[in-house]
Structures are given as C-alpha cells and as structure tokens.
Amino acid sequence: NAGLADPHFNGYTPLIFLAMARPTTDGAQVKEAINTLVDARADVNRENLPMPFGEWAPLRFAAELQNSAGVDALLGHVNVGDRFRWAARESVEHAMLDEIRKFCGEAASKKVAALSRYDTHATALLRMF
C-alpha cells in the first residue's frame, strides 16, 4: 500500500497509479500495463481509501487527468452504461467523439471536434499543477 510510504497516496493501487499517468506518457505502455494487471485479476473498481476529494476508482483518475490511454484501456473492462453520457459527465472529450463517430459517422465527429473551445491536454496539465 503506497499510503504506508506517503499519506497522499492512501490506498492507491497500481491501476490507480497507471490511471494517473500524464497525458505525455507513452499510451501503448500504459494500455499494456493496465491490461496485464486486469488479466492478473486486478480489481478495476477498487477505489482509493477516503481522501479529501473522495474515493475514486482508477477510471475516475484517468478521466480527471485526461489520460486517454488509461481511459481507453479501463473502459474495455468497466461497464459505465451509456459511454457518451459517462464521457460527458467526466469531460472526456475523446470518448465522446468516439461515440459520435460510432453512431453518426466521421463527418459529424469532425464537425463537433472543430467546435471544441478548449485544449484537453492543457486542461489536464492545469489540473495536475
């Protein structure tokens, strides 16, 4: 438990640390590591222990930090119900665009993407610091 070494990481699991990978981290390695842990029966729904911001599962950490590789890997193992609604609630733009692309086509997805008013990468970096 990382909380034994640093109380700021109370109950964090290896999946949570991978979900917290910065957007500049090699996404292929993050996906492979997450899938390896899940194949070894890591619990994708296990939340950190109580912290001031609450108790979050790995997917919530990945969404908050806009870790697209982490979100994509974890979504393969977590049932969030309506993916578009989940992505909108968590502000995960790339997942919303993927759902639009799936149901409405590439042209609609590109048109919606062009309307974006913010940079998700910049948002993630601002949230981290």
C-alpha atoms as a PDB file:
ATOM      1  CA  ASN A   1       0.000   0.000   0.000  1.00  0.00           C
ATOM      2  CA  ALA A   2       1.534   3.282  -1.123  1.00  0.00           C
ATOM      3  CA  GLY A   3      -0.229   5.006   1.781  1.00  0.00           C
ATOM      4  CA  LEU A   4       2.305   3.476   4.149  1.00  0.00           C
ATOM      5  CA  ALA A   5       5.103   5.401   2.444  1.00  0.00           C
ATOM      6  CA  ASP A   6       3.197   8.598   1.715  1.00  0.00           C
ATOM      7  CA  PRO A   7      -0.217   9.512   3.185  1.00  0.00           C
ATOM      8  CA  HIS A   8      -1.046  11.411  -0.004  1.00  0.00           C
ATOM      9  CA  PHE A   9      -1.486   8.047  -1.731  1.00  0.00           C
ATOM     10  CA  ASN A  10      -3.827   6.407   0.783  1.00  0.00           C
ATOM     11  CA  GLY A  11      -4.995   3.087  -0.620  1.00  0.00           C
ATOM     12  CA  TYR A  12      -3.799   3.767  -4.160  1.00  0.00           C
ATOM     13  CA  THR A  13      -3.470   0.622  -6.261  1.00  0.00           C
ATOM     14  CA  PRO A  14      -1.114   0.007  -9.199  1.00  0.00           C
ATOM     15  CA  LEU A  15      -4.109   0.560 -11.517  1.00  0.00           C
ATOM     16  CA  ILE A  16      -4.706   3.968  -9.951  1.00  0.00           C
ATOM     17  CA  PHE A  17      -1.066   4.942 -10.468  1.00  0.00           C
ATOM     18  CA  LEU A  18      -1.288   3.878 -14.123  1.00  0.00           C
ATOM     19  CA  ALA A  19      -4.543   5.802 -14.496  1.00  0.00           C
ATOM     20  CA  MET A  20      -2.706   8.858 -13.153  1.00  0.00           C
ATOM     21  CA  ALA A  21      -0.095   8.705 -15.928  1.00  0.00           C
ATOM     22  CA  ARG A  22       0.428  12.083 -17.509  1.00  0.00           C
ATOM     23  CA  PRO A  23      -1.019  12.625 -20.981  1.00  0.00           C
ATOM     24  CA  THR A  24       2.539  12.813 -22.346  1.00  0.00           C
ATOM     25  CA  THR A  25       3.345   9.250 -21.192  1.00  0.00           C
ATOM     26  CA  ASP A  26       3.608   6.544 -23.872  1.00  0.00           C
ATOM     27  CA  GLY A  27      -0.017   5.426 -24.172  1.00  0.00           C
ATOM     28  CA  ALA A  28       0.803   1.994 -25.568  1.00  0.00           C
ATOM     29  CA  GLN A  29       2.800   1.126 -22.452  1.00  0.00           C
ATOM     30  CA  VAL A  30       0.020   2.391 -20.167  1.00  0.00           C
ATOM     31  CA  LYS A  31      -2.600   0.310 -22.020  1.00  0.00           C
ATOM     32  CA  GLU A  32      -0.418  -2.796 -21.978  1.00  0.00           C
ATOM     33  CA  ALA A  33       0.321  -2.431 -18.255  1.00  0.00           C
ATOM     34  CA  ILE A  34      -3.361  -1.903 -17.383  1.00  0.00           C
ATOM     35  CA  ASN A  35      -4.444  -4.887 -19.473  1.00  0.00           C
ATOM     36  CA  THR A  36      -1.705  -7.036 -17.884  1.00  0.00           C
ATOM     37  CA  LEU A  37      -2.860  -6.115 -14.374  1.00  0.00           C
ATOM     38  CA  VAL A  38      -6.509  -6.757 -15.244  1.00  0.00           C
ATOM     39  CA  ASP A  39      -5.586 -10.120 -16.777  1.00  0.00           C
ATOM     40  CA  ALA A  40      -3.889 -10.899 -13.443  1.00  0.00           C
ATOM     41  CA  ARG A  41      -7.261 -10.151 -11.775  1.00  0.00           C
ATOM     42  CA  ALA A  42      -6.621  -6.599 -10.546  1.00  0.00           C
ATOM     43  CA  ASP A  43      -9.891  -5.030  -9.396  1.00  0.00           C
ATOM     44  CA  VAL A  44     -10.794  -2.214 -11.820  1.00  0.00           C
ATOM     45  CA  ASN A  45     -13.486  -0.964  -9.456  1.00  0.00           C
ATOM     46  CA  ARG A  46     -11.373  -0.756  -6.297  1.00  0.00           C
ATOM     47  CA  GLU A  47     -11.328   2.794  -5.011  1.00  0.00           C
ATOM     48  CA  ASN A  48      -8.625   4.549  -3.040  1.00  0.00           C
ATOM     49  CA  LEU A  49      -9.189   4.903   0.703  1.00  0.00           C
ATOM     50  CA  PRO A  50     -11.009   8.027   1.954  1.00  0.00           C
ATOM     51  CA  MET A  51      -9.278  11.240   0.909  1.00  0.00           C
ATOM     52  CA  PRO A  52     -10.424  14.894   0.984  1.00  0.00           C
ATOM     53  CA  PHE A  53     -11.632  14.613  -2.634  1.00  0.00           C
ATOM     54  CA  GLY A  54     -13.448  11.339  -2.013  1.00  0.00           C
ATOM     55  CA  GLU A  55     -12.919   7.753  -3.058  1.00  0.00           C
ATOM     56  CA  TRP A  56     -12.214   7.234  -6.755  1.00  0.00           C
ATOM     57  CA  ALA A  57     -11.806   4.157  -8.925  1.00  0.00           C
ATOM     58  CA  PRO A  58      -8.954   4.074 -11.486  1.00  0.00           C
ATOM     59  CA  LEU A  59     -11.267   5.147 -14.333  1.00  0.00           C
ATOM     60  CA  ARG A  60     -12.178   8.335 -12.466  1.00  0.00           C
ATOM     61  CA  PHE A  61      -8.477   9.199 -12.009  1.00  0.00           C
ATOM     62  CA  ALA A  62      -7.808   8.586 -15.711  1.00  0.00           C
ATOM     63  CA  ALA A  63     -10.769  10.752 -16.723  1.00  0.00           C
ATOM     64  CA  GLU A  64      -9.803  13.579 -14.377  1.00  0.00           C
ATOM     65  CA  LEU A  65      -6.251  13.685 -15.762  1.00  0.00           C
ATOM     66  CA  GLN A  66      -7.406  13.214 -19.382  1.00  0.00           C
ATOM     67  CA  ASN A  67      -5.258  10.084 -19.653  1.00  0.00           C
ATOM     68  CA  SER A  68      -6.750   8.847 -22.920  1.00  0.00           C
ATOM     69  CA  ALA A  69      -4.733   5.610 -22.979  1.00  0.00           C
ATOM     70  CA  GLY A  70      -5.813   4.818 -19.433  1.00  0.00           C
ATOM     71  CA  VAL A  71      -9.440   5.684 -20.146  1.00  0.00           C
ATOM     72  CA  ASP A  72      -9.497   3.538 -23.293  1.00  0.00           C
ATOM     73  CA  ALA A  73      -7.874   0.546 -21.568  1.00  0.00           C
ATOM     74  CA  LEU A  74     -10.114   0.758 -18.494  1.00  0.00           C
ATOM     75  CA  LEU A  75     -13.307   1.262 -20.498  1.00  0.00           C
ATOM     76  CA  GLY A  76     -12.648  -2.148 -22.006  1.00  0.00           C
ATOM     77  CA  HIS A  77     -13.041  -3.651 -18.529  1.00  0.00           C
ATOM     78  CA  VAL A  78     -15.561  -1.374 -16.800  1.00  0.00           C
ATOM     79  CA  ASN A  79     -19.258  -1.135 -17.575  1.00  0.00           C
ATOM     80  CA  VAL A  80     -20.166   2.567 -17.398  1.00  0.00           C
ATOM     81  CA  GLY A  81     -23.525   2.092 -19.093  1.00  0.00           C
ATOM     82  CA  ASP A  82     -24.066   4.832 -21.676  1.00  0.00           C
ATOM     83  CA  ARG A  83     -20.499   5.715 -22.684  1.00  0.00           C
ATOM     84  CA  PHE A  84     -21.396   9.076 -24.188  1.00  0.00           C
ATOM     85  CA  ARG A  85     -23.247  10.179 -21.070  1.00  0.00           C
ATOM     86  CA  TRP A  86     -20.387   8.975 -18.852  1.00  0.00           C
ATOM     87  CA  ALA A  87     -17.816  10.770 -21.009  1.00  0.00           C
ATOM     88  CA  ALA A  88     -19.844  13.994 -20.982  1.00  0.00           C
ATOM     89  CA  ARG A  89     -20.209  13.875 -17.200  1.00  0.00           C
ATOM     90  CA  GLU A  90     -16.461  13.256 -16.754  1.00  0.00           C
ATOM     91  CA  SER A  91     -15.421  15.726 -19.520  1.00  0.00           C
ATOM     92  CA  VAL A  92     -13.612  13.063 -21.544  1.00  0.00           C
ATOM     93  CA  GLU A  93     -13.801  14.652 -24.968  1.00  0.00           C
ATOM     94  CA  HIS A  94     -12.071  11.906 -26.956  1.00  0.00           C
ATOM     95  CA  ALA A  95     -14.519   9.277 -25.649  1.00  0.00           C
ATOM     96  CA  MET A  96     -17.495  11.495 -26.583  1.00  0.00           C
ATOM     97  CA  LEU A  97     -16.064  11.976 -30.075  1.00  0.00           C
ATOM     98  CA  ASP A  98     -15.518   8.214 -30.423  1.00  0.00           C
ATOM     99  CA  GLU A  99     -19.178   7.596 -29.593  1.00  0.00           C
ATOM    100  CA  ILE A 100     -20.313  10.288 -32.056  1.00  0.00           C
ATOM    101  CA  ARG A 101     -18.067   8.735 -34.711  1.00  0.00           C
ATOM    102  CA  LYS A 102     -19.514   5.289 -33.990  1.00  0.00           C
ATOM    103  CA  PHE A 103     -23.162   6.347 -34.271  1.00  0.00           C
ATOM    104  CA  CYS A 104     -23.105   9.404 -36.579  1.00  0.00           C
ATOM    105  CA  GLY A 105     -20.032   8.919 -38.755  1.00  0.00           C
ATOM    106  CA  GLU A 106     -16.672  10.556 -39.244  1.00  0.00           C
ATOM    107  CA  ALA A 107     -18.016  13.796 -40.751  1.00  0.00           C
ATOM    108  CA  ALA A 108     -20.224  14.527 -37.736  1.00  0.00           C
ATOM    109  CA  SER A 109     -17.392  13.722 -35.352  1.00  0.00           C
ATOM    110  CA  LYS A 110     -15.011  16.098 -37.144  1.00  0.00           C
ATOM    111  CA  LYS A 111     -17.623  18.845 -37.169  1.00  0.00           C
ATOM    112  CA  VAL A 112     -18.209  18.516 -33.417  1.00  0.00           C
ATOM    113  CA  ALA A 113     -14.451  18.314 -32.734  1.00  0.00           C
ATOM    114  CA  ALA A 114     -13.940  21.582 -34.602  1.00  0.00           C
ATOM    115  CA  LEU A 115     -16.335  23.258 -32.152  1.00  0.00           C
ATOM    116  CA  SER A 116     -14.112  22.442 -29.164  1.00  0.00           C
ATOM    117  CA  ARG A 117     -13.432  25.546 -27.087  1.00  0.00           C
ATOM    118  CA  TYR A 118     -10.573  24.220 -25.010  1.00  0.00           C
ATOM    119  CA  ASP A 119      -7.479  22.079 -25.251  1.00  0.00           C
ATOM    120  CA  THR A 120      -7.917  18.852 -23.252  1.00  0.00           C
ATOM    121  CA  HIS A 121      -4.153  18.430 -22.913  1.00  0.00           C
ATOM    122  CA  ALA A 122      -3.801  21.917 -21.422  1.00  0.00           C
ATOM    123  CA  THR A 123      -6.757  21.261 -19.114  1.00  0.00           C
ATOM    124  CA  ALA A 124      -5.171  18.070 -17.811  1.00  0.00           C
ATOM    125  CA  LEU A 125      -1.861  19.794 -17.160  1.00  0.00           C
ATOM    126  CA  LEU A 126      -3.604  22.645 -15.340  1.00  0.00           C
ATOM    127  CA  ARG A 127      -5.492  20.170 -13.147  1.00  0.00           C
ATOM    128  CA  MET A 128      -2.246  18.441 -12.197  1.00  0.00           C
ATOM    129  CA  PHE A 129      -0.417  21.573 -11.071  1.00  0.00           C
END
